[in-house]
């Protein structure tokens, strides 16, 4: 099936999933997490004007395209007690 645009509910759920995964990682003793916003993975798809054709607050300008990756980063940072990085390329 061809890819479809994520709904705002999908975006909120995905952000919550990142947070829950980071929280569980911390509980298991993981000391560092890297969010992968490169190589065509989901966060990269939001960043790229090639794949992101949204017309809402998550598409168009660079400021809008980076919104979801930054929301994920900030939410994970609040939930995860260790070192946090983000790979962007």
C-alpha atoms as a PDB file:
ATOM      1  CA  UNK A   1       0.000   0.000   0.000  1.00  0.00           C
ATOM      2  CA  UNK A   2       1.246   3.507  -0.679  1.00  0.00           C
ATOM      3  CA  UNK A   3       2.249   5.587   2.330  1.00  0.00           C
ATOM      4  CA  UNK A   4      -0.379   7.850   3.814  1.00  0.00           C
ATOM      5  CA  UNK A   5      -0.062  11.064   5.772  1.00  0.00           C
ATOM      6  CA  UNK A   6      -0.133  10.600   9.532  1.00  0.00           C
ATOM      7  CA  UNK A   7      -3.129  12.132  11.265  1.00  0.00           C
ATOM      8  CA  UNK A   8      -2.604  14.433  14.232  1.00  0.00           C
ATOM      9  CA  UNK A   9      -3.756  11.549  16.433  1.00  0.00           C
ATOM     10  CA  UNK A  10      -1.116   9.318  14.806  1.00  0.00           C
ATOM     11  CA  UNK A  11       1.533  11.951  15.506  1.00  0.00           C
ATOM     12  CA  UNK A  12       0.491  12.234  19.155  1.00  0.00           C
ATOM     13  CA  UNK A  13       0.473   8.444  19.567  1.00  0.00           C
ATOM     14  CA  UNK A  14       3.867   8.064  17.916  1.00  0.00           C
ATOM     15  CA  UNK A  15       5.337  10.730  20.186  1.00  0.00           C
ATOM     16  CA  UNK A  16       3.877   8.891  23.193  1.00  0.00           C
ATOM     17  CA  UNK A  17       5.391   5.648  21.889  1.00  0.00           C
ATOM     18  CA  UNK A  18       8.851   7.253  21.708  1.00  0.00           C
ATOM     19  CA  UNK A  19       8.421   8.534  25.273  1.00  0.00           C
ATOM     20  CA  UNK A  20       7.236   5.176  26.609  1.00  0.00           C
ATOM     21  CA  UNK A  21      10.133   3.385  24.952  1.00  0.00           C
ATOM     22  CA  UNK A  22      12.634   5.846  26.417  1.00  0.00           C
ATOM     23  CA  UNK A  23      11.061   5.527  29.855  1.00  0.00           C
ATOM     24  CA  UNK A  24      11.261   1.718  29.706  1.00  0.00           C
ATOM     25  CA  UNK A  25      14.861   1.935  28.509  1.00  0.00           C
ATOM     26  CA  UNK A  26      15.748   4.084  31.501  1.00  0.00           C
ATOM     27  CA  UNK A  27      14.010   1.641  33.848  1.00  0.00           C
ATOM     28  CA  UNK A  28      16.141  -1.156  32.364  1.00  0.00           C
ATOM     29  CA  UNK A  29      19.325   0.748  33.100  1.00  0.00           C
ATOM     30  CA  UNK A  30      20.051   2.086  29.619  1.00  0.00           C
ATOM     31  CA  UNK A  31      22.212   5.177  30.055  1.00  0.00           C
ATOM     32  CA  UNK A  32      21.960   6.755  26.598  1.00  0.00           C
ATOM     33  CA  UNK A  33      19.431   6.939  23.775  1.00  0.00           C
ATOM     34  CA  UNK A  34      19.876   8.256  20.256  1.00  0.00           C
ATOM     35  CA  UNK A  35      16.870   9.290  18.206  1.00  0.00           C
ATOM     36  CA  UNK A  36      17.473   8.448  14.556  1.00  0.00           C
ATOM     37  CA  UNK A  37      16.324  11.241  12.250  1.00  0.00           C
ATOM     38  CA  UNK A  38      18.278  10.090   9.204  1.00  0.00           C
ATOM     39  CA  UNK A  39      18.354   7.539   6.397  1.00  0.00           C
ATOM     40  CA  UNK A  40      14.641   7.748   5.578  1.00  0.00           C
ATOM     41  CA  UNK A  41      13.336   6.755   8.998  1.00  0.00           C
ATOM     42  CA  UNK A  42      10.177   8.439  10.278  1.00  0.00           C
ATOM     43  CA  UNK A  43      11.727  11.513  11.890  1.00  0.00           C
ATOM     44  CA  UNK A  44      13.813  12.057   8.748  1.00  0.00           C
ATOM     45  CA  UNK A  45      10.707  11.814   6.580  1.00  0.00           C
ATOM     46  CA  UNK A  46       9.257  14.781   8.445  1.00  0.00           C
ATOM     47  CA  UNK A  47      12.480  16.760   7.949  1.00  0.00           C
ATOM     48  CA  UNK A  48      12.780  16.132   4.226  1.00  0.00           C
ATOM     49  CA  UNK A  49      10.930  18.357   1.751  1.00  0.00           C
ATOM     50  CA  UNK A  50      11.144  15.410  -0.648  1.00  0.00           C
ATOM     51  CA  UNK A  51       8.981  13.158   1.515  1.00  0.00           C
ATOM     52  CA  UNK A  52       7.062  15.711   3.587  1.00  0.00           C
ATOM     53  CA  UNK A  53       4.244  17.201   1.529  1.00  0.00           C
ATOM     54  CA  UNK A  54       2.100  18.177   4.502  1.00  0.00           C
ATOM     55  CA  UNK A  55       0.272  21.492   4.427  1.00  0.00           C
ATOM     56  CA  UNK A  56      -0.302  21.806   8.168  1.00  0.00           C
ATOM     57  CA  UNK A  57       1.978  22.809  11.057  1.00  0.00           C
ATOM     58  CA  UNK A  58       4.248  19.822  10.296  1.00  0.00           C
ATOM     59  CA  UNK A  59       5.018  20.612   6.658  1.00  0.00           C
ATOM     60  CA  UNK A  60       6.206  23.344   4.348  1.00  0.00           C
ATOM     61  CA  UNK A  61       8.892  25.514   5.937  1.00  0.00           C
ATOM     62  CA  UNK A  62      11.930  24.045   7.658  1.00  0.00           C
ATOM     63  CA  UNK A  63      10.578  25.363  10.954  1.00  0.00           C
ATOM     64  CA  UNK A  64       7.402  23.328  10.431  1.00  0.00           C
ATOM     65  CA  UNK A  65       9.181  20.222   9.131  1.00  0.00           C
ATOM     66  CA  UNK A  66      11.457  20.068  12.177  1.00  0.00           C
ATOM     67  CA  UNK A  67       8.514  20.514  14.559  1.00  0.00           C
ATOM     68  CA  UNK A  68       7.695  16.806  15.043  1.00  0.00           C
ATOM     69  CA  UNK A  69      11.310  15.643  15.495  1.00  0.00           C
ATOM     70  CA  UNK A  70      11.846  18.422  18.045  1.00  0.00           C
ATOM     71  CA  UNK A  71       8.593  17.623  19.851  1.00  0.00           C
ATOM     72  CA  UNK A  72       9.736  14.005  20.104  1.00  0.00           C
ATOM     73  CA  UNK A  73      13.196  15.055  21.299  1.00  0.00           C
ATOM     74  CA  UNK A  74      11.805  17.381  23.967  1.00  0.00           C
ATOM     75  CA  UNK A  75       9.248  14.839  25.193  1.00  0.00           C
ATOM     76  CA  UNK A  76      11.849  12.064  25.361  1.00  0.00           C
ATOM     77  CA  UNK A  77      14.307  14.369  27.135  1.00  0.00           C
ATOM     78  CA  UNK A  78      11.697  15.017  29.841  1.00  0.00           C
ATOM     79  CA  UNK A  79      11.002  11.290  30.272  1.00  0.00           C
ATOM     80  CA  UNK A  80      14.513   9.858  29.959  1.00  0.00           C
ATOM     81  CA  UNK A  81      17.012  10.360  32.741  1.00  0.00           C
ATOM     82  CA  UNK A  82      20.142   9.589  30.755  1.00  0.00           C
ATOM     83  CA  UNK A  83      22.084  11.006  27.846  1.00  0.00           C
ATOM     84  CA  UNK A  84      20.006  11.819  24.779  1.00  0.00           C
ATOM     85  CA  UNK A  85      21.176  12.524  21.255  1.00  0.00           C
ATOM     86  CA  UNK A  86      19.634  12.826  17.821  1.00  0.00           C
ATOM     87  CA  UNK A  87      21.263  11.703  14.587  1.00  0.00           C
ATOM     88  CA  UNK A  88      20.346  13.935  11.670  1.00  0.00           C
ATOM     89  CA  UNK A  89      21.712  13.533   8.167  1.00  0.00           C
END
